[in-house]
Amino acid sequence: MTKLEIIEKVNHLLVEEFEIDADLLTPEASLVKDLEIDSLDFVDIVMLIDRDFGFKPKAEELKHVKTLQDFYDYIEQHV
């Protein structure tokens, strides 16, 4: 999977599953502050990553994911 495919898939998931405005999805967007993803959303994100990318992220690894770019990079490192 290419970086562009990862970005498109992640953005699609955020728009469809979390009803986030696509205009807010910039690499520097903070997941918590800008996209308003809370701790319950992170539980859903773990399940979506497992379903759509084929691996189960570890909670301690996701603590380092602060921006959307971090999220793209994290997934790219694991697929």
PDB file of N, CA and C in Angstrom:
ATOM      1  N   MET A   1       0.843  -1.168   0.000  1.00  0.00           N
ATOM      2  CA  MET A   1       0.000   0.000   0.000  1.00  0.00           C
ATOM      3  C   MET A   1       0.894   1.239   0.000  1.00  0.00           C
ATOM      4  N   THR A   2       0.590   2.168  -0.888  1.00  0.00           N
ATOM      5  CA  THR A   2       1.399   3.378  -0.990  1.00  0.00           C
ATOM      6  C   THR A   2       0.983   4.393   0.070  1.00  0.00           C
ATOM      7  N   LYS A   3       1.840   5.369   0.273  1.00  0.00           N
ATOM      8  CA  LYS A   3       1.545   6.440   1.232  1.00  0.00           C
ATOM      9  C   LYS A   3       0.250   7.163   0.843  1.00  0.00           C
ATOM     10  N   LEU A   4       0.081   7.428  -0.446  1.00  0.00           N
ATOM     11  CA  LEU A   4      -1.117   8.111  -0.915  1.00  0.00           C
ATOM     12  C   LEU A   4      -2.368   7.270  -0.645  1.00  0.00           C
ATOM     13  N   GLU A   5      -2.283   5.969  -0.848  1.00  0.00           N
ATOM     14  CA  GLU A   5      -3.422   5.087  -0.563  1.00  0.00           C
ATOM     15  C   GLU A   5      -3.761   5.095   0.927  1.00  0.00           C
ATOM     16  N   ILE A   6      -2.740   5.119   1.762  1.00  0.00           N
ATOM     17  CA  ILE A   6      -2.954   5.178   3.217  1.00  0.00           C
ATOM     18  C   ILE A   6      -3.652   6.482   3.588  1.00  0.00           C
ATOM     19  N   ILE A   7      -3.167   7.586   3.057  1.00  0.00           N
ATOM     20  CA  ILE A   7      -3.758   8.892   3.347  1.00  0.00           C
ATOM     21  C   ILE A   7      -5.222   8.917   2.915  1.00  0.00           C
ATOM     22  N   GLU A   8      -5.496   8.449   1.708  1.00  0.00           N
ATOM     23  CA  GLU A   8      -6.871   8.452   1.207  1.00  0.00           C
ATOM     24  C   GLU A   8      -7.778   7.568   2.057  1.00  0.00           C
ATOM     25  N   LYS A   9      -7.283   6.409   2.452  1.00  0.00           N
ATOM     26  CA  LYS A   9      -8.087   5.484   3.242  1.00  0.00           C
ATOM     27  C   LYS A   9      -8.343   6.033   4.646  1.00  0.00           C
ATOM     28  N   VAL A  10      -7.318   6.577   5.277  1.00  0.00           N
ATOM     29  CA  VAL A  10      -7.469   7.160   6.617  1.00  0.00           C
ATOM     30  C   VAL A  10      -8.451   8.332   6.560  1.00  0.00           C
ATOM     31  N   ASN A  11      -8.277   9.202   5.598  1.00  0.00           N
ATOM     32  CA  ASN A  11      -9.172  10.357   5.481  1.00  0.00           C
ATOM     33  C   ASN A  11     -10.617   9.907   5.263  1.00  0.00           C
ATOM     34  N   HIS A  12     -10.801   8.910   4.416  1.00  0.00           N
ATOM     35  CA  HIS A  12     -12.142   8.384   4.162  1.00  0.00           C
ATOM     36  C   HIS A  12     -12.761   7.840   5.453  1.00  0.00           C
ATOM     37  N   LEU A  13     -11.976   7.092   6.224  1.00  0.00           N
ATOM     38  CA  LEU A  13     -12.471   6.550   7.491  1.00  0.00           C
ATOM     39  C   LEU A  13     -12.877   7.659   8.457  1.00  0.00           C
ATOM     40  N   LEU A  14     -12.060   8.687   8.547  1.00  0.00           N
ATOM     41  CA  LEU A  14     -12.353   9.779   9.474  1.00  0.00           C
ATOM     42  C   LEU A  14     -13.620  10.533   9.067  1.00  0.00           C
ATOM     43  N   VAL A  15     -13.810  10.717   7.773  1.00  0.00           N
ATOM     44  CA  VAL A  15     -15.006  11.406   7.287  1.00  0.00           C
ATOM     45  C   VAL A  15     -16.243  10.534   7.488  1.00  0.00           C
ATOM     46  N   GLU A  16     -16.143   9.272   7.095  1.00  0.00           N
ATOM     47  CA  GLU A  16     -17.302   8.382   7.145  1.00  0.00           C
ATOM     48  C   GLU A  16     -17.648   7.918   8.559  1.00  0.00           C
ATOM     49  N   GLU A  17     -16.670   7.499   9.316  1.00  0.00           N
ATOM     50  CA  GLU A  17     -16.921   6.903  10.633  1.00  0.00           C
ATOM     51  C   GLU A  17     -17.077   7.935  11.747  1.00  0.00           C
ATOM     52  N   PHE A  18     -16.383   9.062  11.620  1.00  0.00           N
ATOM     53  CA  PHE A  18     -16.383  10.053  12.697  1.00  0.00           C
ATOM     54  C   PHE A  18     -17.012  11.382  12.288  1.00  0.00           C
ATOM     55  N   GLU A  19     -17.494  11.436  11.048  1.00  0.00           N
ATOM     56  CA  GLU A  19     -18.174  12.629  10.515  1.00  0.00           C
ATOM     57  C   GLU A  19     -17.336  13.891  10.662  1.00  0.00           C
ATOM     58  N   ILE A  20     -16.060  13.750  10.369  1.00  0.00           N
ATOM     59  CA  ILE A  20     -15.138  14.893  10.416  1.00  0.00           C
ATOM     60  C   ILE A  20     -15.160  15.567   9.054  1.00  0.00           C
ATOM     61  N   ASP A  21     -15.217  16.877   9.056  1.00  0.00           N
ATOM     62  CA  ASP A  21     -15.219  17.662   7.830  1.00  0.00           C
ATOM     63  C   ASP A  21     -13.898  17.436   7.087  1.00  0.00           C
ATOM     64  N   ALA A  22     -13.984  17.044   5.840  1.00  0.00           N
ATOM     65  CA  ALA A  22     -12.796  16.738   5.040  1.00  0.00           C
ATOM     66  C   ALA A  22     -11.843  17.932   4.951  1.00  0.00           C
ATOM     67  N   ASP A  23     -12.356  19.142   5.042  1.00  0.00           N
ATOM     68  CA  ASP A  23     -11.508  20.342   4.972  1.00  0.00           C
ATOM     69  C   ASP A  23     -10.561  20.445   6.168  1.00  0.00           C
ATOM     70  N   LEU A  24     -10.886  19.759   7.261  1.00  0.00           N
ATOM     71  CA  LEU A  24     -10.029  19.803   8.451  1.00  0.00           C
ATOM     72  C   LEU A  24      -8.872  18.807   8.381  1.00  0.00           C
ATOM     73  N   LEU A  25      -8.902  17.918   7.406  1.00  0.00           N
ATOM     74  CA  LEU A  25      -7.924  16.829   7.336  1.00  0.00           C
ATOM     75  C   LEU A  25      -6.641  17.274   6.644  1.00  0.00           C
ATOM     76  N   THR A  26      -5.820  17.971   7.413  1.00  0.00           N
ATOM     77  CA  THR A  26      -4.507  18.395   6.940  1.00  0.00           C
ATOM     78  C   THR A  26      -3.457  17.637   7.748  1.00  0.00           C
ATOM     79  N   PRO A  27      -2.284  17.408   7.190  1.00  0.00           N
ATOM     80  CA  PRO A  27      -1.258  16.642   7.909  1.00  0.00           C
ATOM     81  C   PRO A  27      -0.919  17.197   9.291  1.00  0.00           C
ATOM     82  N   GLU A  28      -0.974  18.508   9.452  1.00  0.00           N
ATOM     83  CA  GLU A  28      -0.597  19.099  10.736  1.00  0.00           C
ATOM     84  C   GLU A  28      -1.758  19.171  11.731  1.00  0.00           C
ATOM     85  N   ALA A  29      -2.942  18.718  11.347  1.00  0.00           N
ATOM     86  CA  ALA A  29      -4.105  18.755  12.241  1.00  0.00           C
ATOM     87  C   ALA A  29      -3.882  17.863  13.462  1.00  0.00           C
ATOM     88  N   SER A  30      -4.159  18.423  14.624  1.00  0.00           N
ATOM     89  CA  SER A  30      -4.082  17.667  15.869  1.00  0.00           C
ATOM     90  C   SER A  30      -5.309  16.770  15.953  1.00  0.00           C
ATOM     91  N   LEU A  31      -5.086  15.482  16.255  1.00  0.00           N
ATOM     92  CA  LEU A  31      -6.206  14.556  16.346  1.00  0.00           C
ATOM     93  C   LEU A  31      -7.174  14.967  17.445  1.00  0.00           C
ATOM     94  N   VAL A  32      -6.650  15.411  18.563  1.00  0.00           N
ATOM     95  CA  VAL A  32      -7.494  15.751  19.707  1.00  0.00           C
ATOM     96  C   VAL A  32      -8.045  17.174  19.597  1.00  0.00           C
ATOM     97  N   LYS A  33      -7.180  18.137  19.366  1.00  0.00           N
ATOM     98  CA  LYS A  33      -7.606  19.538  19.389  1.00  0.00           C
ATOM     99  C   LYS A  33      -8.374  19.947  18.136  1.00  0.00           C
ATOM    100  N   ASP A  34      -7.847  19.603  16.961  1.00  0.00           N
ATOM    101  CA  ASP A  34      -8.466  20.056  15.716  1.00  0.00           C
ATOM    102  C   ASP A  34      -9.585  19.123  15.235  1.00  0.00           C
ATOM    103  N   LEU A  35      -9.375  17.820  15.383  1.00  0.00           N
ATOM    104  CA  LEU A  35     -10.352  16.855  14.866  1.00  0.00           C
ATOM    105  C   LEU A  35     -11.304  16.350  15.955  1.00  0.00           C
ATOM    106  N   GLU A  36     -11.031  16.749  17.201  1.00  0.00           N
ATOM    107  CA  GLU A  36     -11.881  16.426  18.347  1.00  0.00           C
ATOM    108  C   GLU A  36     -12.100  14.920  18.531  1.00  0.00           C
ATOM    109  N   ILE A  37     -11.035  14.159  18.344  1.00  0.00           N
ATOM    110  CA  ILE A  37     -11.076  12.725  18.581  1.00  0.00           C
ATOM    111  C   ILE A  37     -10.797  12.496  20.060  1.00  0.00           C
ATOM    112  N   ASP A  38     -11.718  11.803  20.723  1.00  0.00           N
ATOM    113  CA  ASP A  38     -11.562  11.572  22.160  1.00  0.00           C
ATOM    114  C   ASP A  38     -11.134  10.128  22.429  1.00  0.00           C
ATOM    115  N   SER A  39     -11.026   9.792  23.705  1.00  0.00           N
ATOM    116  CA  SER A  39     -10.522   8.462  24.067  1.00  0.00           C
ATOM    117  C   SER A  39     -11.424   7.339  23.576  1.00  0.00           C
ATOM    118  N   LEU A  40     -12.720   7.545  23.569  1.00  0.00           N
ATOM    119  CA  LEU A  40     -13.628   6.521  23.031  1.00  0.00           C
ATOM    120  C   LEU A  40     -13.444   6.353  21.525  1.00  0.00           C
ATOM    121  N   ASP A  41     -13.192   7.462  20.836  1.00  0.00           N
ATOM    122  CA  ASP A  41     -12.934   7.388  19.402  1.00  0.00           C
ATOM    123  C   ASP A  41     -11.668   6.577  19.122  1.00  0.00           C
ATOM    124  N   PHE A  42     -10.666   6.702  19.994  1.00  0.00           N
ATOM    125  CA  PHE A  42      -9.431   5.952  19.794  1.00  0.00           C
ATOM    126  C   PHE A  42      -9.670   4.446  19.882  1.00  0.00           C
ATOM    127  N   VAL A  43     -10.628   4.033  20.710  1.00  0.00           N
ATOM    128  CA  VAL A  43     -10.987   2.614  20.777  1.00  0.00           C
ATOM    129  C   VAL A  43     -11.542   2.176  19.419  1.00  0.00           C
ATOM    130  N   ASP A  44     -12.404   2.995  18.841  1.00  0.00           N
ATOM    131  CA  ASP A  44     -12.949   2.696  17.515  1.00  0.00           C
ATOM    132  C   ASP A  44     -11.854   2.709  16.454  1.00  0.00           C
ATOM    133  N   ILE A  45     -10.920   3.626  16.576  1.00  0.00           N
ATOM    134  CA  ILE A  45      -9.824   3.709  15.611  1.00  0.00           C
ATOM    135  C   ILE A  45      -8.995   2.431  15.628  1.00  0.00           C
ATOM    136  N   VAL A  46      -8.739   1.891  16.812  1.00  0.00           N
ATOM    137  CA  VAL A  46      -7.982   0.638  16.918  1.00  0.00           C
ATOM    138  C   VAL A  46      -8.700  -0.468  16.150  1.00  0.00           C
ATOM    139  N   MET A  47     -10.013  -0.554  16.319  1.00  0.00           N
ATOM    140  CA  MET A  47     -10.781  -1.590  15.616  1.00  0.00           C
ATOM    141  C   MET A  47     -10.780  -1.353  14.107  1.00  0.00           C
ATOM    142  N   LEU A  48     -10.874  -0.101  13.697  1.00  0.00           N
ATOM    143  CA  LEU A  48     -10.865   0.208  12.267  1.00  0.00           C
ATOM    144  C   LEU A  48      -9.508  -0.093  11.631  1.00  0.00           C
ATOM    145  N   ILE A  49      -8.434   0.198  12.349  1.00  0.00           N
ATOM    146  CA  ILE A  49      -7.100  -0.110  11.834  1.00  0.00           C
ATOM    147  C   ILE A  49      -6.958  -1.617  11.663  1.00  0.00           C
ATOM    148  N   ASP A  50      -7.409  -2.358  12.647  1.00  0.00           N
ATOM    149  CA  ASP A  50      -7.353  -3.822  12.570  1.00  0.00           C
ATOM    150  C   ASP A  50      -8.151  -4.317  11.366  1.00  0.00           C
ATOM    151  N   ARG A  51      -9.350  -3.804  11.206  1.00  0.00           N
ATOM    152  CA  ARG A  51     -10.227  -4.235  10.107  1.00  0.00           C
ATOM    153  C   ARG A  51      -9.686  -3.832   8.730  1.00  0.00           C
ATOM    154  N   ASP A  52      -9.257  -2.578   8.608  1.00  0.00           N
ATOM    155  CA  ASP A  52      -8.924  -2.044   7.287  1.00  0.00           C
ATOM    156  C   ASP A  52      -7.456  -2.122   6.901  1.00  0.00           C
ATOM    157  N   PHE A  53      -6.576  -2.250   7.894  1.00  0.00           N
ATOM    158  CA  PHE A  53      -5.155  -2.297   7.586  1.00  0.00           C
ATOM    159  C   PHE A  53      -4.495  -3.601   8.019  1.00  0.00           C
ATOM    160  N   GLY A  54      -5.220  -4.446   8.748  1.00  0.00           N
ATOM    161  CA  GLY A  54      -4.739  -5.781   9.052  1.00  0.00           C
ATOM    162  C   GLY A  54      -3.753  -5.910  10.197  1.00  0.00           C
ATOM    163  N   PHE A  55      -3.696  -4.940  11.087  1.00  0.00           N
ATOM    164  CA  PHE A  55      -2.864  -5.083  12.283  1.00  0.00           C
ATOM    165  C   PHE A  55      -3.554  -4.382  13.441  1.00  0.00           C
ATOM    166  N   LYS A  56      -3.261  -4.844  14.644  1.00  0.00           N
ATOM    167  CA  LYS A  56      -3.869  -4.262  15.839  1.00  0.00           C
ATOM    168  C   LYS A  56      -2.845  -3.367  16.523  1.00  0.00           C
ATOM    169  N   PRO A  57      -3.095  -2.062  16.528  1.00  0.00           N
ATOM    170  CA  PRO A  57      -2.150  -1.146  17.169  1.00  0.00           C
ATOM    171  C   PRO A  57      -2.141  -1.308  18.686  1.00  0.00           C
ATOM    172  N   LYS A  58      -1.012  -0.991  19.260  1.00  0.00           N
ATOM    173  CA  LYS A  58      -0.865  -1.038  20.713  1.00  0.00           C
ATOM    174  C   LYS A  58      -1.122   0.348  21.276  1.00  0.00           C
ATOM    175  N   ALA A  59      -1.835   0.388  22.399  1.00  0.00           N
ATOM    176  CA  ALA A  59      -2.214   1.668  23.010  1.00  0.00           C
ATOM    177  C   ALA A  59      -1.001   2.544  23.295  1.00  0.00           C
ATOM    178  N   GLU A  60       0.082   1.927  23.789  1.00  0.00           N
ATOM    179  CA  GLU A  60       1.261   2.740  24.113  1.00  0.00           C
ATOM    180  C   GLU A  60       1.902   3.352  22.874  1.00  0.00           C
ATOM    181  N   GLU A  61       1.746   2.716  21.720  1.00  0.00           N
ATOM    182  CA  GLU A  61       2.271   3.280  20.478  1.00  0.00           C
ATOM    183  C   GLU A  61       1.406   4.451  20.011  1.00  0.00           C
ATOM    184  N   LEU A  62       0.106   4.333  20.188  1.00  0.00           N
ATOM    185  CA  LEU A  62      -0.798   5.398  19.741  1.00  0.00           C
ATOM    186  C   LEU A  62      -0.671   6.662  20.582  1.00  0.00           C
ATOM    187  N   LYS A  63      -0.097   6.550  21.773  1.00  0.00           N
ATOM    188  CA  LYS A  63       0.101   7.736  22.603  1.00  0.00           C
ATOM    189  C   LYS A  63       1.025   8.744  21.922  1.00  0.00           C
ATOM    190  N   HIS A  64       1.875   8.264  21.029  1.00  0.00           N
ATOM    191  CA  HIS A  64       2.826   9.132  20.338  1.00  0.00           C
ATOM    192  C   HIS A  64       2.233   9.732  19.065  1.00  0.00           C
ATOM    193  N   VAL A  65       1.039   9.318  18.702  1.00  0.00           N
ATOM    194  CA  VAL A  65       0.378   9.812  17.498  1.00  0.00           C
ATOM    195  C   VAL A  65      -0.440  11.045  17.883  1.00  0.00           C
ATOM    196  N   LYS A  66       0.079  12.196  17.534  1.00  0.00           N
ATOM    197  CA  LYS A  66      -0.560  13.460  17.922  1.00  0.00           C
ATOM    198  C   LYS A  66      -1.249  14.161  16.750  1.00  0.00           C
ATOM    199  N   THR A  67      -0.631  14.084  15.572  1.00  0.00           N
ATOM    200  CA  THR A  67      -1.182  14.770  14.398  1.00  0.00           C
ATOM    201  C   THR A  67      -1.627  13.755  13.363  1.00  0.00           C
ATOM    202  N   LEU A  68      -2.343  14.236  12.389  1.00  0.00           N
ATOM    203  CA  LEU A  68      -2.779  13.354  11.308  1.00  0.00           C
ATOM    204  C   LEU A  68      -1.571  12.793  10.557  1.00  0.00           C
ATOM    205  N   GLN A  69      -0.517  13.590  10.404  1.00  0.00           N
ATOM    206  CA  GLN A  69       0.704  13.091   9.757  1.00  0.00           C
ATOM    207  C   GLN A  69       1.324  11.962  10.571  1.00  0.00           C
ATOM    208  N   ASP A  70       1.330  12.094  11.883  1.00  0.00           N
ATOM    209  CA  ASP A  70       1.817  11.008  12.751  1.00  0.00           C
ATOM    210  C   ASP A  70       1.010   9.740  12.509  1.00  0.00           C
ATOM    211  N   PHE A  71      -0.294   9.908  12.355  1.00  0.00           N
ATOM    212  CA  PHE A  71      -1.191   8.771  12.134  1.00  0.00           C
ATOM    213  C   PHE A  71      -0.884   8.091  10.805  1.00  0.00           C
ATOM    214  N   TYR A  72      -0.714   8.882   9.745  1.00  0.00           N
ATOM    215  CA  TYR A  72      -0.342   8.325   8.431  1.00  0.00           C
ATOM    216  C   TYR A  72       0.983   7.542   8.548  1.00  0.00           C
ATOM    217  N   ASP A  73       1.963   8.174   9.183  1.00  0.00           N
ATOM    218  CA  ASP A  73       3.290   7.570   9.308  1.00  0.00           C
ATOM    219  C   ASP A  73       3.223   6.275  10.118  1.00  0.00           C
ATOM    220  N   TYR A  74       2.448   6.285  11.194  1.00  0.00           N
ATOM    221  CA  TYR A  74       2.303   5.092  12.039  1.00  0.00           C
ATOM    222  C   TYR A  74       1.755   3.923  11.224  1.00  0.00           C
ATOM    223  N   ILE A  75       0.718   4.183  10.469  1.00  0.00           N
ATOM    224  CA  ILE A  75       0.129   3.104   9.667  1.00  0.00           C
ATOM    225  C   ILE A  75       1.105   2.647   8.595  1.00  0.00           C
ATOM    226  N   GLU A  76       1.770   3.587   7.946  1.00  0.00           N
ATOM    227  CA  GLU A  76       2.732   3.220   6.910  1.00  0.00           C
ATOM    228  C   GLU A  76       3.839   2.319   7.460  1.00  0.00           C
ATOM    229  N   GLN A  77       4.282   2.539   8.677  1.00  0.00           N
ATOM    230  CA  GLN A  77       5.332   1.737   9.287  1.00  0.00           C
ATOM    231  C   GLN A  77       4.878   0.313   9.594  1.00  0.00           C
ATOM    232  N   HIS A  78       3.564   0.098   9.710  1.00  0.00           N
ATOM    233  CA  HIS A  78       3.051  -1.192  10.141  1.00  0.00           C
ATOM    234  C   HIS A  78       2.373  -2.017   9.047  1.00  0.00           C
ATOM    235  N   VAL A  79       2.201  -1.454   7.873  1.00  0.00           N
ATOM    236  CA  VAL A  79       1.585  -2.241   6.791  1.00  0.00           C
ATOM    237  C   VAL A  79       2.622  -2.711   5.809  1.00  0.00           C
TER     238      VAL A  79
END
